[in-house]
Amino acid sequence: MLFTVKKVVGGLLLPLPFLLAVMAIGIFLLWFSRWQKTGKIILSSAWLILLLISLQPVADRLLKPLENPYPTWNGGQKVDYVVVLGGGYTWNPEWAPGSNLINNSLPRLVEGVRQWRDNPGSKMIFTGYAAQGNPVSTAEAGARVAKTLGVPDEAIIRLEKPVDTEEEAQEVKRAIGNQPFLLVTSANHMRRAMNFFHAQGLTPIAAPANQMAIDSPLNWWEQVLPSPLYLGHSDRAWYESLGLVWQWLKGDKVQE
């Protein structure tokens, strides 16, 4: 129940639904009240904010501080386990397997397979519960796609109970104890994930995937035209920032 409430409330606080709600208040004031000036200010401010966070320079400036702390892992210490955290998914057997891993999940899996190949003899651990009405869990979906990319089933461990990152850390602790492992998740999620795993007394090696904040050159029009892509970047920055605040309020934050 708490998980559902957290997801619903968190979803409503994300930039797009929040700003649309603010715009609705402004429109209501314009049409149905005497406070038309206030309505104009509210509506104009919300529109301007939505415009700004849909621009690449603004969105990626918001996202970059979350992605920067952990660089791409290109080898060093060998490990026996590569943990790939679950993300968005569905399961339609008619689709190409990778199409079932939506949003952040496919880049995480691809990086996880790369790290598994760099650590011969290691096992991949996939985490995540089954969404309501879906017969396949997040962990199983990841495992099925990994198998199509050459990872044998005997090299895969599925942890299908966790519903969030905190529970994923707990289940990994139960599965492998204090053995060193690579932790693969989205770069913007890594800081919060590392805090949860450190809270369990574990010492994961960060192997971030799905970096999104762009440093490389772009066409000029990509920097000045609003885009749903960059609105998505702002959305991730806000979502993870809310998660860090919630983590701090619960007392789960671990100083790194």
Protein backbone atom coordinates (compact mmCIF):
# COMPACT_ATOMS: atom_id res chain seq x y z
CA MET A 1 0.00 0.00 0.00
CA LEU A 2 2.79 2.41 0.95
CA PHE A 3 4.60 1.58 -2.30
CA THR A 4 1.49 2.42 -4.36
CA VAL A 5 0.90 5.67 -2.47
CA LYS A 6 4.56 6.62 -2.92
CA LYS A 7 4.40 6.00 -6.67
CA VAL A 8 1.12 7.89 -7.14
CA VAL A 9 2.14 10.90 -5.06
CA GLY A 10 5.60 10.95 -6.61
CA GLY A 11 4.07 10.76 -10.08
CA LEU A 12 1.80 13.72 -9.41
CA LEU A 13 4.79 15.77 -8.24
CA LEU A 14 6.74 15.25 -11.47
CA PRO A 15 7.15 18.33 -13.67
CA LEU A 16 4.52 17.67 -16.36
CA PRO A 17 1.52 16.68 -14.17
CA PHE A 18 2.46 19.27 -11.55
CA LEU A 19 2.75 22.13 -14.05
CA LEU A 20 -0.44 21.06 -15.82
CA ALA A 21 -2.23 21.20 -12.47
CA VAL A 22 -0.80 24.68 -11.84
CA MET A 23 -1.93 25.79 -15.32
CA ALA A 24 -5.41 24.42 -14.58
CA ILE A 25 -5.54 26.58 -11.46
CA GLY A 26 -4.52 29.62 -13.52
CA ILE A 27 -7.17 28.88 -16.15
CA PHE A 28 -9.82 28.44 -13.46
CA LEU A 29 -8.94 31.79 -11.94
CA LEU A 30 -9.08 33.46 -15.35
CA TRP A 31 -12.48 32.08 -16.25
CA PHE A 32 -14.34 31.72 -12.98
CA SER A 33 -13.01 34.25 -10.50
CA ARG A 34 -12.23 37.92 -9.95
CA TRP A 35 -8.49 37.17 -9.57
CA GLN A 36 -7.70 37.31 -13.25
CA LYS A 37 -4.33 38.98 -12.75
CA THR A 38 -3.31 36.21 -10.35
CA GLY A 39 -4.52 33.64 -12.88
CA LYS A 40 -2.45 35.25 -15.63
CA ILE A 41 0.67 35.22 -13.44
CA ILE A 42 0.18 31.57 -12.45
CA LEU A 43 -0.56 30.42 -15.99
CA SER A 44 2.30 32.39 -17.55
CA SER A 45 4.80 31.24 -14.91
CA ALA A 46 3.89 27.57 -15.31
CA TRP A 47 4.12 27.86 -19.12
CA LEU A 48 7.54 29.52 -18.90
CA ILE A 49 8.88 26.86 -16.53
CA LEU A 50 7.58 24.09 -18.81
CA LEU A 51 9.30 25.75 -21.76
CA LEU A 52 12.62 26.13 -19.94
CA ILE A 53 12.81 22.54 -18.65
CA SER A 54 12.08 21.30 -22.19
CA LEU A 55 15.29 22.94 -23.48
CA GLN A 56 18.49 20.87 -23.65
CA PRO A 57 20.84 23.33 -21.86
CA VAL A 58 18.48 23.66 -18.90
CA ALA A 59 17.43 20.01 -18.67
CA ASP A 60 20.94 18.58 -18.88
CA ARG A 61 22.31 21.15 -16.44
CA LEU A 62 19.73 19.85 -13.95
CA LEU A 63 20.55 16.21 -14.68
CA LYS A 64 24.34 16.36 -14.84
CA PRO A 65 25.04 16.65 -11.07
CA LEU A 66 23.20 13.37 -10.53
CA GLU A 67 25.16 11.55 -13.24
CA ASN A 68 28.66 12.89 -12.62
CA PRO A 69 29.70 11.26 -9.31
CA TYR A 70 30.31 7.81 -10.81
CA PRO A 71 32.28 7.35 -14.06
CA THR A 72 31.75 4.49 -16.49
CA TRP A 73 33.34 1.29 -15.18
CA ASN A 74 35.86 -0.08 -17.66
CA GLY A 75 37.43 -2.85 -15.66
CA GLY A 76 39.84 -3.26 -12.81
CA GLN A 77 38.71 -5.42 -9.92
CA LYS A 78 37.23 -8.72 -11.06
CA VAL A 79 33.93 -9.75 -9.53
CA ASP A 80 31.75 -12.84 -9.37
CA TYR A 81 28.42 -11.00 -9.63
CA VAL A 82 26.92 -8.31 -11.84
CA VAL A 83 23.71 -6.91 -10.34
CA VAL A 84 21.35 -5.21 -12.80
CA LEU A 85 18.55 -3.28 -11.10
CA GLY A 86 15.07 -3.54 -12.57
CA GLY A 87 13.26 -0.69 -14.29
CA GLY A 88 10.35 -0.18 -16.64
CA TYR A 89 9.13 -3.23 -18.54
CA THR A 90 6.22 -5.10 -20.06
CA TRP A 91 6.06 -8.51 -21.69
CA ASN A 92 4.63 -9.13 -25.14
CA PRO A 93 5.99 -12.34 -26.71
CA GLU A 94 5.15 -10.97 -30.17
CA TRP A 95 7.69 -8.16 -29.77
CA ALA A 96 11.44 -8.27 -30.28
CA PRO A 97 12.69 -9.28 -26.79
CA GLY A 98 14.52 -6.03 -26.07
CA SER A 99 11.42 -3.97 -26.84
CA ASN A 100 9.90 -5.26 -23.60
CA LEU A 101 12.52 -3.38 -21.56
CA ILE A 102 11.25 0.18 -21.67
CA ASN A 103 12.73 3.51 -20.59
CA ASN A 104 15.87 2.88 -18.51
CA SER A 105 15.83 -0.93 -18.46
CA LEU A 106 17.39 -1.79 -21.83
CA PRO A 107 20.51 0.41 -21.40
CA ARG A 108 21.01 -1.11 -17.95
CA LEU A 109 20.81 -4.62 -19.35
CA VAL A 110 23.18 -3.89 -22.23
CA GLU A 111 25.77 -2.48 -19.82
CA GLY A 112 25.21 -5.44 -17.50
CA VAL A 113 25.92 -7.90 -20.31
CA ARG A 114 29.07 -5.95 -21.23
CA GLN A 115 30.31 -6.16 -17.65
CA TRP A 116 29.42 -9.86 -17.44
CA ARG A 117 31.52 -10.54 -20.54
CA ASP A 118 34.42 -8.66 -18.96
CA ASN A 119 34.19 -10.90 -15.89
CA PRO A 120 34.37 -14.51 -17.16
CA GLY A 121 32.63 -16.99 -14.89
CA SER A 122 30.54 -14.33 -13.16
CA LYS A 123 26.79 -14.46 -12.66
CA MET A 124 24.21 -11.84 -13.57
CA ILE A 125 21.57 -10.94 -10.98
CA PHE A 126 18.31 -9.42 -12.18
CA THR A 127 15.91 -7.85 -9.71
CA GLY A 128 12.29 -6.74 -9.66
CA TYR A 129 8.74 -7.85 -8.99
CA ALA A 130 5.90 -8.66 -11.36
CA ALA A 131 3.73 -5.67 -12.22
CA GLN A 132 0.02 -6.14 -11.53
CA GLY A 133 -1.52 -8.42 -14.14
CA ASN A 134 1.80 -9.30 -15.77
CA PRO A 135 2.80 -12.99 -15.52
CA VAL A 136 6.45 -12.09 -16.05
CA SER A 137 8.47 -10.27 -13.38
CA THR A 138 10.94 -7.47 -14.05
CA ALA A 139 13.75 -9.87 -13.14
CA GLU A 140 12.45 -12.57 -15.49
CA ALA A 141 12.01 -10.10 -18.36
CA GLY A 142 15.63 -9.01 -17.96
CA ALA A 143 16.80 -12.61 -17.79
CA ARG A 144 14.94 -13.55 -20.97
CA VAL A 145 16.45 -10.67 -22.91
CA ALA A 146 19.94 -11.45 -21.55
CA LYS A 147 19.60 -15.04 -22.75
CA THR A 148 18.91 -13.80 -26.29
CA LEU A 149 22.20 -11.88 -26.06
CA GLY A 150 24.21 -14.98 -25.18
CA VAL A 151 24.06 -15.18 -21.39
CA PRO A 152 23.34 -18.81 -20.40
CA ASP A 153 20.54 -19.48 -17.94
CA GLU A 154 22.94 -21.06 -15.44
CA ALA A 155 24.74 -17.70 -15.22
CA ILE A 156 21.56 -15.86 -14.21
CA ILE A 157 20.04 -15.34 -10.76
CA ARG A 158 16.52 -13.88 -10.51
CA LEU A 159 15.40 -11.95 -7.44
CA GLU A 160 11.70 -11.47 -8.08
CA LYS A 161 10.42 -10.12 -4.74
CA PRO A 162 11.77 -6.54 -4.49
CA VAL A 163 9.39 -3.71 -5.37
CA ASP A 164 11.89 -0.84 -5.02
CA THR A 165 15.60 -0.13 -4.72
CA GLU A 166 15.65 -0.46 -0.95
CA GLU A 167 14.24 -3.98 -1.14
CA GLU A 168 16.60 -4.82 -4.01
CA ALA A 169 19.54 -4.02 -1.74
CA GLN A 170 18.10 -6.24 0.98
CA GLU A 171 17.55 -9.17 -1.40
CA VAL A 172 21.03 -8.89 -2.90
CA LYS A 173 22.46 -9.00 0.62
CA ARG A 174 20.52 -12.20 1.32
CA ALA A 175 21.60 -13.75 -2.00
CA ILE A 176 25.35 -13.11 -2.02
CA GLY A 177 26.27 -11.76 1.41
CA ASN A 178 29.22 -9.39 1.46
CA GLN A 179 30.92 -10.54 -1.73
CA PRO A 180 32.05 -7.74 -4.06
CA PHE A 181 29.85 -7.07 -7.06
CA LEU A 182 29.20 -4.59 -9.83
CA LEU A 183 26.03 -2.55 -9.42
CA VAL A 184 24.48 -1.58 -12.75
CA THR A 185 21.74 1.02 -12.82
CA SER A 186 21.03 4.32 -14.55
CA ALA A 187 23.68 6.96 -13.90
CA ASN A 188 21.09 9.38 -12.50
CA HIS A 189 19.84 6.67 -10.09
CA MET A 190 23.28 5.47 -8.97
CA ARG A 191 23.76 7.84 -6.04
CA ARG A 192 20.48 6.84 -4.42
CA ALA A 193 21.06 3.15 -5.17
CA MET A 194 24.56 3.21 -3.66
CA ASN A 195 23.13 4.76 -0.49
CA PHE A 196 20.65 1.91 -0.13
CA PHE A 197 23.31 -0.75 -0.72
CA HIS A 198 25.77 0.90 1.66
CA ALA A 199 23.01 0.96 4.28
CA GLN A 200 22.96 -2.84 4.05
CA GLY A 201 26.69 -2.97 4.77
CA LEU A 202 27.53 -3.85 1.18
CA THR A 203 30.37 -2.40 -0.90
CA PRO A 204 29.18 -2.37 -4.51
CA ILE A 205 31.29 -1.14 -7.38
CA ALA A 206 29.29 1.43 -9.33
CA ALA A 207 28.86 0.62 -13.03
CA PRO A 208 26.49 3.31 -14.30
CA ALA A 209 24.51 2.99 -17.51
CA ASN A 210 22.06 5.11 -19.48
CA GLN A 211 23.89 8.43 -19.17
CA MET A 212 21.63 11.12 -20.64
CA ALA A 213 23.06 14.58 -19.86
CA ILE A 214 24.76 15.60 -23.11
CA ASP A 215 28.23 17.17 -23.14
CA SER A 216 29.09 16.51 -26.79
CA PRO A 217 28.27 19.00 -29.57
CA LEU A 218 24.70 19.23 -30.85
CA ASN A 219 23.07 20.96 -33.79
CA TRP A 220 22.14 24.47 -32.73
CA TRP A 221 18.42 23.88 -33.22
CA GLU A 222 18.53 20.95 -30.79
CA GLN A 223 19.64 23.39 -28.11
CA VAL A 224 17.00 26.05 -28.69
CA LEU A 225 13.85 24.11 -29.60
CA PRO A 226 11.78 22.59 -26.77
CA SER A 227 11.63 18.81 -26.96
CA PRO A 228 9.85 16.00 -25.09
CA LEU A 229 13.24 14.26 -24.96
CA TYR A 230 14.73 17.00 -22.80
CA LEU A 231 11.54 17.36 -20.78
CA GLY A 232 12.18 13.68 -19.97
CA HIS A 233 15.70 14.57 -18.81
CA SER A 234 14.26 17.22 -16.46
CA ASP A 235 11.71 14.66 -15.29
CA ARG A 236 14.48 12.24 -14.33
CA ALA A 237 16.42 14.95 -12.53
CA TRP A 238 13.36 15.94 -10.50
CA TYR A 239 12.33 12.31 -9.82
CA GLU A 240 15.75 11.35 -8.49
CA SER A 241 16.05 14.56 -6.47
CA LEU A 242 12.70 13.79 -4.84
CA GLY A 243 13.97 10.29 -4.13
CA LEU A 244 17.09 11.61 -2.44
CA VAL A 245 15.00 13.97 -0.31
CA TRP A 246 12.70 11.09 0.70
CA GLN A 247 15.74 8.95 1.47
CA TRP A 248 17.12 11.71 3.69
CA LEU A 249 13.79 12.21 5.49
CA LYS A 250 13.63 8.47 6.24
CA GLY A 251 17.16 8.57 7.62
CA ASP A 252 18.44 6.13 4.97
CA LYS A 253 21.03 8.43 3.43
CA VAL A 254 24.60 7.17 3.83
CA GLN A 255 27.52 9.54 3.47
CA GLU A 256 29.88 8.28 0.78
